[in-house]
Amino acid sequence: MGQDLLGYQYFMSYHMPIIRTRGFNHEGPRRPPVFVLSDFARQVAEIERGVRPPVLKVGNLDAQRDFTDVRDMVRGYWLALEKGQPGEVYNLCSGRSYSVRQVLDLLLGFTDVKIKVEQDPRRLRPSDVPVLRGDCTKFTRETAWQPEIPFEQTVEDLLAYWRVR
């Protein structure tokens, strides 16, 4: 939030060609395990290899997030540079939200290994927004961008990435 306002201030004060983006949750191959889906995929891959017990540790599974494939996001950031209007702010998102539980169920559908899901209190946030969903209508109207990679493909590709790590 602070960087967003700082960028806008530099646009207003110094007429710098600042284009602001608000990227919602994005996942996909090569994302580090500090992000929820990548963390889950890494755990599944380690369980499949036998280097971790068949227990997947999770936090809040009820939170809903707007996920977009990281490859679509990179394409969106590039379009923001090419076609975005200085001083404007754009949401880059899918416009759909999935609960973390839905995401986990989808991921577990890509493995044959029996995995127990266990909540870890250390993974719960002291403050968590229940639902995050964006609207990219403005960005799509100005750039013709929209997510192209189906979320199921994102999840499958992410798991494949962690399987070879």
N, C-alpha and C. Protein backbone atom coordinates (compact mmCIF):
# COMPACT_ATOMS: atom_id res chain seq x y z
N MET A 1 0.83 -1.18 0.00
CA MET A 1 0.00 0.00 0.00
C MET A 1 0.88 1.25 0.00
N GLY A 2 1.91 1.24 0.82
CA GLY A 2 2.79 2.40 0.89
C GLY A 2 3.50 2.67 -0.42
N GLN A 3 3.97 1.60 -1.08
CA GLN A 3 4.65 1.77 -2.36
C GLN A 3 3.69 2.29 -3.41
N ASP A 4 2.46 1.82 -3.37
CA ASP A 4 1.43 2.27 -4.31
C ASP A 4 1.25 3.79 -4.17
N LEU A 5 1.09 4.26 -2.94
CA LEU A 5 0.90 5.69 -2.70
C LEU A 5 2.15 6.49 -3.05
N LEU A 6 3.30 5.92 -2.76
CA LEU A 6 4.54 6.61 -3.10
C LEU A 6 4.67 6.75 -4.62
N GLY A 7 4.34 5.70 -5.35
CA GLY A 7 4.37 5.77 -6.82
C GLY A 7 3.42 6.83 -7.34
N TYR A 8 2.24 6.91 -6.76
CA TYR A 8 1.27 7.91 -7.19
C TYR A 8 1.77 9.32 -6.86
N GLN A 9 2.39 9.46 -5.71
CA GLN A 9 2.93 10.77 -5.32
C GLN A 9 4.02 11.23 -6.30
N TYR A 10 4.87 10.31 -6.73
CA TYR A 10 5.91 10.67 -7.70
C TYR A 10 5.31 11.01 -9.06
N PHE A 11 4.23 10.33 -9.42
CA PHE A 11 3.54 10.68 -10.66
C PHE A 11 2.98 12.10 -10.55
N MET A 12 2.30 12.39 -9.45
CA MET A 12 1.66 13.70 -9.28
C MET A 12 2.69 14.82 -9.11
N SER A 13 3.71 14.59 -8.31
CA SER A 13 4.67 15.65 -7.99
C SER A 13 5.72 15.88 -9.06
N TYR A 14 6.21 14.81 -9.65
CA TYR A 14 7.35 14.92 -10.57
C TYR A 14 7.01 14.49 -11.99
N HIS A 15 5.76 14.17 -12.23
CA HIS A 15 5.28 13.77 -13.56
C HIS A 15 6.06 12.58 -14.12
N MET A 16 6.50 11.71 -13.21
CA MET A 16 7.19 10.49 -13.65
C MET A 16 6.15 9.52 -14.22
N PRO A 17 6.50 8.77 -15.24
CA PRO A 17 5.53 7.85 -15.87
C PRO A 17 5.33 6.58 -15.04
N ILE A 18 4.71 6.74 -13.89
CA ILE A 18 4.49 5.63 -12.97
C ILE A 18 3.17 4.94 -13.30
N ILE A 19 3.22 3.64 -13.48
CA ILE A 19 2.03 2.81 -13.67
C ILE A 19 1.99 1.83 -12.51
N ARG A 20 0.90 1.86 -11.78
CA ARG A 20 0.79 1.01 -10.59
C ARG A 20 -0.05 -0.23 -10.90
N THR A 21 0.39 -1.36 -10.39
CA THR A 21 -0.37 -2.60 -10.53
C THR A 21 -0.61 -3.20 -9.15
N ARG A 22 -1.70 -3.86 -9.04
CA ARG A 22 -2.03 -4.60 -7.82
C ARG A 22 -2.23 -6.04 -8.22
N GLY A 23 -1.17 -6.80 -8.07
CA GLY A 23 -1.22 -8.22 -8.43
C GLY A 23 -1.80 -9.03 -7.28
N PHE A 24 -2.87 -9.74 -7.55
CA PHE A 24 -3.44 -10.62 -6.54
C PHE A 24 -2.61 -11.89 -6.50
N ASN A 25 -3.01 -12.86 -5.70
CA ASN A 25 -2.21 -14.08 -5.54
C ASN A 25 -1.88 -14.69 -6.89
N HIS A 26 -0.62 -15.00 -7.07
CA HIS A 26 -0.22 -15.72 -8.28
C HIS A 26 0.67 -16.88 -7.91
N GLU A 27 0.47 -17.96 -8.62
CA GLU A 27 1.17 -19.21 -8.36
C GLU A 27 1.58 -19.83 -9.68
N GLY A 28 2.51 -20.75 -9.59
CA GLY A 28 2.96 -21.48 -10.76
C GLY A 28 4.37 -22.00 -10.55
N PRO A 29 4.89 -22.69 -11.56
CA PRO A 29 6.23 -23.25 -11.45
C PRO A 29 7.26 -22.19 -11.06
N ARG A 30 8.19 -22.59 -10.22
CA ARG A 30 9.33 -21.79 -9.78
C ARG A 30 8.98 -20.81 -8.66
N ARG A 31 7.73 -20.80 -8.20
CA ARG A 31 7.37 -19.94 -7.07
C ARG A 31 7.94 -20.57 -5.80
N PRO A 32 8.54 -19.78 -4.93
CA PRO A 32 9.12 -20.35 -3.71
C PRO A 32 8.04 -20.82 -2.73
N PRO A 33 8.42 -21.71 -1.82
CA PRO A 33 7.43 -22.31 -0.92
C PRO A 33 6.94 -21.38 0.19
N VAL A 34 7.26 -20.12 0.15
CA VAL A 34 6.67 -19.18 1.11
C VAL A 34 5.23 -18.86 0.72
N PHE A 35 4.82 -19.26 -0.48
CA PHE A 35 3.46 -19.05 -0.95
C PHE A 35 2.67 -20.34 -0.76
N VAL A 36 1.40 -20.21 -0.41
CA VAL A 36 0.60 -21.34 0.07
C VAL A 36 0.58 -22.53 -0.89
N LEU A 37 0.25 -22.32 -2.13
CA LEU A 37 0.12 -23.45 -3.05
C LEU A 37 1.47 -24.08 -3.34
N SER A 38 2.49 -23.26 -3.47
CA SER A 38 3.83 -23.80 -3.71
C SER A 38 4.30 -24.61 -2.50
N ASP A 39 3.97 -24.13 -1.31
CA ASP A 39 4.33 -24.87 -0.10
C ASP A 39 3.62 -26.22 -0.08
N PHE A 40 2.34 -26.23 -0.39
CA PHE A 40 1.59 -27.49 -0.43
C PHE A 40 2.18 -28.44 -1.47
N ALA A 41 2.49 -27.93 -2.66
CA ALA A 41 3.03 -28.76 -3.74
C ALA A 41 4.38 -29.34 -3.34
N ARG A 42 5.20 -28.55 -2.69
CA ARG A 42 6.50 -29.06 -2.24
C ARG A 42 6.31 -30.18 -1.23
N GLN A 43 5.40 -29.98 -0.29
CA GLN A 43 5.14 -31.02 0.71
C GLN A 43 4.66 -32.31 0.05
N VAL A 44 3.74 -32.20 -0.91
CA VAL A 44 3.24 -33.39 -1.62
C VAL A 44 4.38 -34.10 -2.34
N ALA A 45 5.21 -33.34 -3.05
CA ALA A 45 6.33 -33.95 -3.78
C ALA A 45 7.30 -34.64 -2.82
N GLU A 46 7.56 -34.05 -1.67
CA GLU A 46 8.46 -34.67 -0.68
C GLU A 46 7.83 -35.93 -0.08
N ILE A 47 6.52 -35.90 0.13
CA ILE A 47 5.82 -37.10 0.61
C ILE A 47 5.90 -38.20 -0.43
N GLU A 48 5.69 -37.86 -1.70
CA GLU A 48 5.77 -38.85 -2.78
C GLU A 48 7.17 -39.48 -2.85
N ARG A 49 8.21 -38.69 -2.60
CA ARG A 49 9.59 -39.21 -2.64
C ARG A 49 9.96 -39.98 -1.38
N GLY A 50 9.11 -39.91 -0.36
CA GLY A 50 9.39 -40.61 0.89
C GLY A 50 10.33 -39.90 1.81
N VAL A 51 10.57 -38.62 1.60
CA VAL A 51 11.48 -37.88 2.46
C VAL A 51 10.73 -37.11 3.55
N ARG A 52 9.43 -37.25 3.58
CA ARG A 52 8.58 -36.59 4.57
C ARG A 52 7.46 -37.57 4.90
N PRO A 53 7.05 -37.61 6.15
CA PRO A 53 5.89 -38.47 6.49
C PRO A 53 4.65 -38.02 5.72
N PRO A 54 3.69 -38.90 5.49
CA PRO A 54 2.51 -38.56 4.68
C PRO A 54 1.50 -37.67 5.42
N VAL A 55 1.99 -36.57 5.95
CA VAL A 55 1.16 -35.61 6.67
C VAL A 55 1.46 -34.24 6.09
N LEU A 56 0.44 -33.60 5.54
CA LEU A 56 0.60 -32.28 4.95
C LEU A 56 0.15 -31.25 5.97
N LYS A 57 1.03 -30.34 6.33
CA LYS A 57 0.75 -29.31 7.33
C LYS A 57 0.13 -28.09 6.65
N VAL A 58 -0.98 -27.61 7.21
CA VAL A 58 -1.70 -26.49 6.63
C VAL A 58 -2.05 -25.45 7.69
N GLY A 59 -2.46 -24.28 7.23
CA GLY A 59 -2.99 -23.23 8.09
C GLY A 59 -4.49 -23.14 7.90
N ASN A 60 -4.99 -21.94 7.66
CA ASN A 60 -6.41 -21.69 7.49
C ASN A 60 -6.85 -22.13 6.09
N LEU A 61 -7.70 -23.12 6.03
CA LEU A 61 -8.16 -23.63 4.74
C LEU A 61 -9.43 -22.94 4.25
N ASP A 62 -10.01 -22.10 5.08
CA ASP A 62 -11.26 -21.43 4.71
C ASP A 62 -11.06 -20.11 3.97
N ALA A 63 -9.87 -19.52 4.07
CA ALA A 63 -9.61 -18.25 3.38
C ALA A 63 -9.78 -18.44 1.88
N GLN A 64 -10.34 -17.45 1.22
CA GLN A 64 -10.53 -17.50 -0.23
C GLN A 64 -9.62 -16.48 -0.89
N ARG A 65 -8.96 -16.91 -1.96
CA ARG A 65 -8.01 -16.05 -2.65
C ARG A 65 -8.24 -16.10 -4.15
N ASP A 66 -7.88 -15.02 -4.80
CA ASP A 66 -7.99 -14.88 -6.25
C ASP A 66 -6.63 -15.27 -6.83
N PHE A 67 -6.55 -16.48 -7.40
CA PHE A 67 -5.29 -17.00 -7.93
C PHE A 67 -5.22 -16.83 -9.44
N THR A 68 -4.04 -16.44 -9.91
CA THR A 68 -3.75 -16.33 -11.34
C THR A 68 -2.39 -16.97 -11.56
N ASP A 69 -2.20 -17.60 -12.70
CA ASP A 69 -0.92 -18.22 -13.02
C ASP A 69 0.15 -17.15 -13.15
N VAL A 70 1.30 -17.41 -12.59
CA VAL A 70 2.41 -16.45 -12.59
C VAL A 70 2.82 -16.08 -14.02
N ARG A 71 2.68 -17.02 -14.95
CA ARG A 71 3.05 -16.74 -16.34
C ARG A 71 2.08 -15.74 -16.97
N ASP A 72 0.81 -15.82 -16.60
CA ASP A 72 -0.15 -14.82 -17.04
C ASP A 72 0.14 -13.46 -16.40
N MET A 73 0.55 -13.50 -15.15
CA MET A 73 0.86 -12.25 -14.44
C MET A 73 2.05 -11.53 -15.08
N VAL A 74 3.08 -12.26 -15.44
CA VAL A 74 4.25 -11.65 -16.07
C VAL A 74 3.84 -11.00 -17.39
N ARG A 75 3.00 -11.70 -18.15
CA ARG A 75 2.50 -11.13 -19.40
C ARG A 75 1.69 -9.86 -19.11
N GLY A 76 0.93 -9.87 -18.02
CA GLY A 76 0.15 -8.69 -17.63
C GLY A 76 1.04 -7.52 -17.23
N TYR A 77 2.08 -7.79 -16.48
CA TYR A 77 3.00 -6.71 -16.08
C TYR A 77 3.64 -6.08 -17.32
N TRP A 78 3.99 -6.92 -18.29
CA TRP A 78 4.60 -6.41 -19.52
C TRP A 78 3.61 -5.52 -20.26
N LEU A 79 2.35 -5.97 -20.35
CA LEU A 79 1.32 -5.16 -21.02
C LEU A 79 1.07 -3.85 -20.27
N ALA A 80 1.18 -3.89 -18.96
CA ALA A 80 1.02 -2.65 -18.18
C ALA A 80 2.08 -1.64 -18.59
N LEU A 81 3.30 -2.11 -18.81
CA LEU A 81 4.38 -1.22 -19.25
C LEU A 81 4.13 -0.69 -20.66
N GLU A 82 3.62 -1.55 -21.53
CA GLU A 82 3.41 -1.16 -22.92
C GLU A 82 2.17 -0.30 -23.14
N LYS A 83 1.08 -0.62 -22.42
CA LYS A 83 -0.20 -0.01 -22.73
C LYS A 83 -0.85 0.74 -21.57
N GLY A 84 -0.30 0.61 -20.38
CA GLY A 84 -0.90 1.27 -19.22
C GLY A 84 -0.73 2.78 -19.27
N GLN A 85 -1.63 3.47 -18.61
CA GLN A 85 -1.59 4.93 -18.57
C GLN A 85 -0.88 5.38 -17.30
N PRO A 86 0.14 6.24 -17.42
CA PRO A 86 0.82 6.75 -16.23
C PRO A 86 -0.17 7.37 -15.25
N GLY A 87 0.05 7.09 -13.98
CA GLY A 87 -0.81 7.59 -12.92
C GLY A 87 -1.95 6.66 -12.58
N GLU A 88 -2.23 5.71 -13.45
CA GLU A 88 -3.35 4.79 -13.22
C GLU A 88 -2.89 3.59 -12.39
N VAL A 89 -3.87 2.92 -11.81
CA VAL A 89 -3.62 1.69 -11.07
C VAL A 89 -4.49 0.60 -11.69
N TYR A 90 -3.91 -0.60 -11.80
CA TYR A 90 -4.60 -1.70 -12.44
C TYR A 90 -4.53 -2.95 -11.55
N ASN A 91 -5.66 -3.64 -11.46
CA ASN A 91 -5.70 -4.93 -10.78
C ASN A 91 -5.36 -6.02 -11.78
N LEU A 92 -4.44 -6.88 -11.43
CA LEU A 92 -4.13 -8.06 -12.22
C LEU A 92 -4.59 -9.26 -11.40
N CYS A 93 -5.62 -9.94 -11.89
CA CYS A 93 -6.25 -11.00 -11.13
C CYS A 93 -7.13 -11.83 -12.06
N SER A 94 -7.71 -12.87 -11.52
CA SER A 94 -8.59 -13.71 -12.32
C SER A 94 -10.06 -13.31 -12.17
N GLY A 95 -10.38 -12.65 -11.08
CA GLY A 95 -11.77 -12.30 -10.81
C GLY A 95 -12.55 -13.45 -10.18
N ARG A 96 -11.87 -14.55 -9.88
CA ARG A 96 -12.49 -15.70 -9.22
C ARG A 96 -11.70 -16.00 -7.95
N SER A 97 -12.38 -16.48 -6.96
CA SER A 97 -11.64 -16.87 -5.76
C SER A 97 -11.92 -18.34 -5.44
N TYR A 98 -10.89 -18.96 -4.90
CA TYR A 98 -10.95 -20.34 -4.47
C TYR A 98 -10.59 -20.38 -3.00
N SER A 99 -11.25 -21.24 -2.24
CA SER A 99 -10.81 -21.41 -0.85
C SER A 99 -9.50 -22.18 -0.89
N VAL A 100 -8.70 -21.99 0.13
CA VAL A 100 -7.44 -22.72 0.21
C VAL A 100 -7.74 -24.22 0.26
N ARG A 101 -8.87 -24.59 0.86
CA ARG A 101 -9.28 -25.99 0.89
C ARG A 101 -9.53 -26.53 -0.53
N GLN A 102 -10.20 -25.74 -1.38
CA GLN A 102 -10.43 -26.15 -2.77
C GLN A 102 -9.12 -26.35 -3.51
N VAL A 103 -8.19 -25.45 -3.27
CA VAL A 103 -6.87 -25.53 -3.92
C VAL A 103 -6.15 -26.79 -3.46
N LEU A 104 -6.19 -27.05 -2.17
CA LEU A 104 -5.54 -28.25 -1.63
C LEU A 104 -6.18 -29.52 -2.20
N ASP A 105 -7.51 -29.55 -2.26
CA ASP A 105 -8.20 -30.73 -2.82
C ASP A 105 -7.80 -30.95 -4.28
N LEU A 106 -7.72 -29.87 -5.04
CA LEU A 106 -7.30 -29.98 -6.44
C LEU A 106 -5.89 -30.56 -6.52
N LEU A 107 -4.99 -30.04 -5.72
CA LEU A 107 -3.61 -30.52 -5.70
C LEU A 107 -3.55 -32.00 -5.32
N LEU A 108 -4.27 -32.38 -4.29
CA LEU A 108 -4.24 -33.78 -3.84
C LEU A 108 -4.83 -34.72 -4.89
N GLY A 109 -5.64 -34.19 -5.79
CA GLY A 109 -6.18 -34.99 -6.88
C GLY A 109 -5.13 -35.40 -7.90
N PHE A 110 -3.95 -34.77 -7.85
CA PHE A 110 -2.87 -35.08 -8.79
C PHE A 110 -1.87 -36.09 -8.23
N THR A 111 -2.16 -36.68 -7.07
CA THR A 111 -1.26 -37.68 -6.51
C THR A 111 -2.05 -38.92 -6.14
N ASP A 112 -1.36 -40.07 -6.18
CA ASP A 112 -1.98 -41.33 -5.79
C ASP A 112 -1.64 -41.70 -4.34
N VAL A 113 -0.78 -40.91 -3.73
CA VAL A 113 -0.34 -41.19 -2.38
C VAL A 113 -1.42 -40.75 -1.39
N LYS A 114 -1.66 -41.56 -0.37
CA LYS A 114 -2.62 -41.20 0.68
C LYS A 114 -1.94 -40.23 1.63
N ILE A 115 -2.52 -39.04 1.76
CA ILE A 115 -1.91 -37.98 2.57
C ILE A 115 -2.92 -37.48 3.59
N LYS A 116 -2.48 -37.42 4.83
CA LYS A 116 -3.31 -36.86 5.91
C LYS A 116 -3.06 -35.36 5.96
N VAL A 117 -4.12 -34.58 6.08
CA VAL A 117 -4.01 -33.12 6.19
C VAL A 117 -4.18 -32.74 7.64
N GLU A 118 -3.22 -31.97 8.14
CA GLU A 118 -3.22 -31.62 9.56
C GLU A 118 -2.96 -30.12 9.72
N GLN A 119 -3.84 -29.46 10.49
CA GLN A 119 -3.65 -28.03 10.73
C GLN A 119 -2.50 -27.82 11.71
N ASP A 120 -1.63 -26.90 11.38
CA ASP A 120 -0.48 -26.54 12.22
C ASP A 120 -0.74 -25.12 12.74
N PRO A 121 -0.93 -24.96 14.03
CA PRO A 121 -1.23 -23.63 14.59
C PRO A 121 -0.19 -22.56 14.22
N ARG A 122 1.04 -22.98 13.95
CA ARG A 122 2.09 -22.02 13.57
C ARG A 122 1.86 -21.45 12.18
N ARG A 123 1.01 -22.11 11.39
CA ARG A 123 0.72 -21.65 10.04
C ARG A 123 -0.52 -20.75 9.98
N LEU A 124 -1.15 -20.54 11.10
CA LEU A 124 -2.32 -19.65 11.14
C LEU A 124 -1.85 -18.22 11.33
N ARG A 125 -2.47 -17.30 10.61
CA ARG A 125 -2.11 -15.89 10.72
C ARG A 125 -2.92 -15.25 11.85
N PRO A 126 -2.31 -14.33 12.58
CA PRO A 126 -3.06 -13.66 13.65
C PRO A 126 -4.22 -12.83 13.09
N SER A 127 -4.08 -12.38 11.87
CA SER A 127 -5.13 -11.61 11.20
C SER A 127 -5.18 -12.10 9.76
N ASP A 128 -6.35 -12.53 9.32
CA ASP A 128 -6.47 -13.08 7.97
C ASP A 128 -7.74 -12.54 7.32
N VAL A 129 -7.61 -12.04 6.12
CA VAL A 129 -8.76 -11.55 5.37
C VAL A 129 -9.52 -12.77 4.87
N PRO A 130 -10.83 -12.87 5.13
CA PRO A 130 -11.57 -14.06 4.73
C PRO A 130 -11.65 -14.27 3.21
N VAL A 131 -11.88 -13.19 2.44
CA VAL A 131 -12.05 -13.31 1.00
C VAL A 131 -11.30 -12.19 0.30
N LEU A 132 -10.45 -12.55 -0.66
CA LEU A 132 -9.80 -11.59 -1.55
C LEU A 132 -10.14 -11.96 -2.97
N ARG A 133 -10.82 -11.07 -3.66
CA ARG A 133 -11.19 -11.30 -5.06
C ARG A 133 -11.05 -9.96 -5.78
N GLY A 134 -10.41 -9.99 -6.92
CA GLY A 134 -10.18 -8.75 -7.66
C GLY A 134 -11.09 -8.59 -8.86
N ASP A 135 -10.99 -7.42 -9.45
CA ASP A 135 -11.73 -7.09 -10.67
C ASP A 135 -10.74 -6.45 -11.63
N CYS A 136 -10.45 -7.14 -12.72
CA CYS A 136 -9.46 -6.65 -13.68
C CYS A 136 -10.11 -6.04 -14.92
N THR A 137 -11.38 -5.67 -14.83
CA THR A 137 -12.11 -5.13 -15.97
C THR A 137 -11.39 -3.95 -16.61
N LYS A 138 -10.93 -3.03 -15.80
CA LYS A 138 -10.25 -1.83 -16.32
C LYS A 138 -8.99 -2.23 -17.09
N PHE A 139 -8.20 -3.12 -16.52
CA PHE A 139 -6.96 -3.53 -17.16
C PHE A 139 -7.24 -4.28 -18.46
N THR A 140 -8.23 -5.15 -18.44
CA THR A 140 -8.60 -5.90 -19.65
C THR A 140 -9.08 -4.94 -20.74
N ARG A 141 -9.87 -3.97 -20.36
CA ARG A 141 -10.39 -3.00 -21.33
C ARG A 141 -9.25 -2.22 -22.00
N GLU A 142 -8.23 -1.87 -21.24
CA GLU A 142 -7.14 -1.04 -21.78
C GLU A 142 -6.03 -1.84 -22.45
N THR A 143 -5.91 -3.12 -22.15
CA THR A 143 -4.79 -3.89 -22.68
C THR A 143 -5.20 -5.18 -23.40
N ALA A 144 -6.44 -5.59 -23.26
CA ALA A 144 -6.95 -6.86 -23.79
C ALA A 144 -6.39 -8.07 -23.04
N TRP A 145 -5.74 -7.83 -21.91
CA TRP A 145 -5.19 -8.93 -21.11
C TRP A 145 -6.30 -9.67 -20.41
N GLN A 146 -6.12 -10.97 -20.32
CA GLN A 146 -6.92 -11.79 -19.43
C GLN A 146 -6.13 -13.07 -19.17
N PRO A 147 -6.35 -13.68 -18.02
CA PRO A 147 -5.65 -14.93 -17.74
C PRO A 147 -5.99 -15.97 -18.79
N GLU A 148 -4.99 -16.72 -19.24
CA GLU A 148 -5.18 -17.73 -20.27
C GLU A 148 -4.94 -19.15 -19.76
N ILE A 149 -4.11 -19.28 -18.75
CA ILE A 149 -3.75 -20.62 -18.26
C ILE A 149 -4.78 -21.06 -17.22
N PRO A 150 -5.46 -22.18 -17.48
CA PRO A 150 -6.46 -22.66 -16.51
C PRO A 150 -5.81 -22.95 -15.15
N PHE A 151 -6.54 -22.66 -14.10
CA PHE A 151 -5.99 -22.85 -12.76
C PHE A 151 -5.57 -24.29 -12.51
N GLU A 152 -6.30 -25.24 -13.03
CA GLU A 152 -5.95 -26.65 -12.87
C GLU A 152 -4.58 -26.92 -13.47
N GLN A 153 -4.27 -26.29 -14.61
CA GLN A 153 -2.97 -26.45 -15.25
C GLN A 153 -1.87 -25.83 -14.38
N THR A 154 -2.16 -24.69 -13.78
CA THR A 154 -1.20 -24.05 -12.88
C THR A 154 -0.83 -25.00 -11.75
N VAL A 155 -1.84 -25.60 -11.14
CA VAL A 155 -1.60 -26.51 -10.01
C VAL A 155 -0.80 -27.72 -10.45
N GLU A 156 -1.16 -28.30 -11.58
CA GLU A 156 -0.45 -29.48 -12.08
C GLU A 156 0.99 -29.14 -12.44
N ASP A 157 1.22 -28.01 -13.08
CA ASP A 157 2.58 -27.59 -13.45
C ASP A 157 3.43 -27.30 -12.22
N LEU A 158 2.82 -26.73 -11.21
CA LEU A 158 3.55 -26.42 -9.98
C LEU A 158 3.99 -27.71 -9.29
N LEU A 159 3.09 -28.67 -9.22
CA LEU A 159 3.45 -29.96 -8.61
C LEU A 159 4.55 -30.63 -9.42
N ALA A 160 4.45 -30.59 -10.74
CA ALA A 160 5.50 -31.17 -11.59
C ALA A 160 6.85 -30.52 -11.32
N TYR A 161 6.85 -29.21 -11.13
CA TYR A 161 8.08 -28.50 -10.82
C TYR A 161 8.71 -29.03 -9.53
N TRP A 162 7.91 -29.17 -8.49
CA TRP A 162 8.46 -29.64 -7.21
C TRP A 162 8.83 -31.12 -7.25
N ARG A 163 8.23 -31.88 -8.12
CA ARG A 163 8.58 -33.30 -8.24
C ARG A 163 10.00 -33.50 -8.75
N VAL A 164 10.53 -32.58 -9.52
CA VAL A 164 11.89 -32.74 -10.07
C VAL A 164 12.92 -31.94 -9.27
N ARG A 165 12.54 -31.30 -8.23
CA ARG A 165 13.47 -30.51 -7.41
C ARG A 165 14.21 -31.40 -6.46
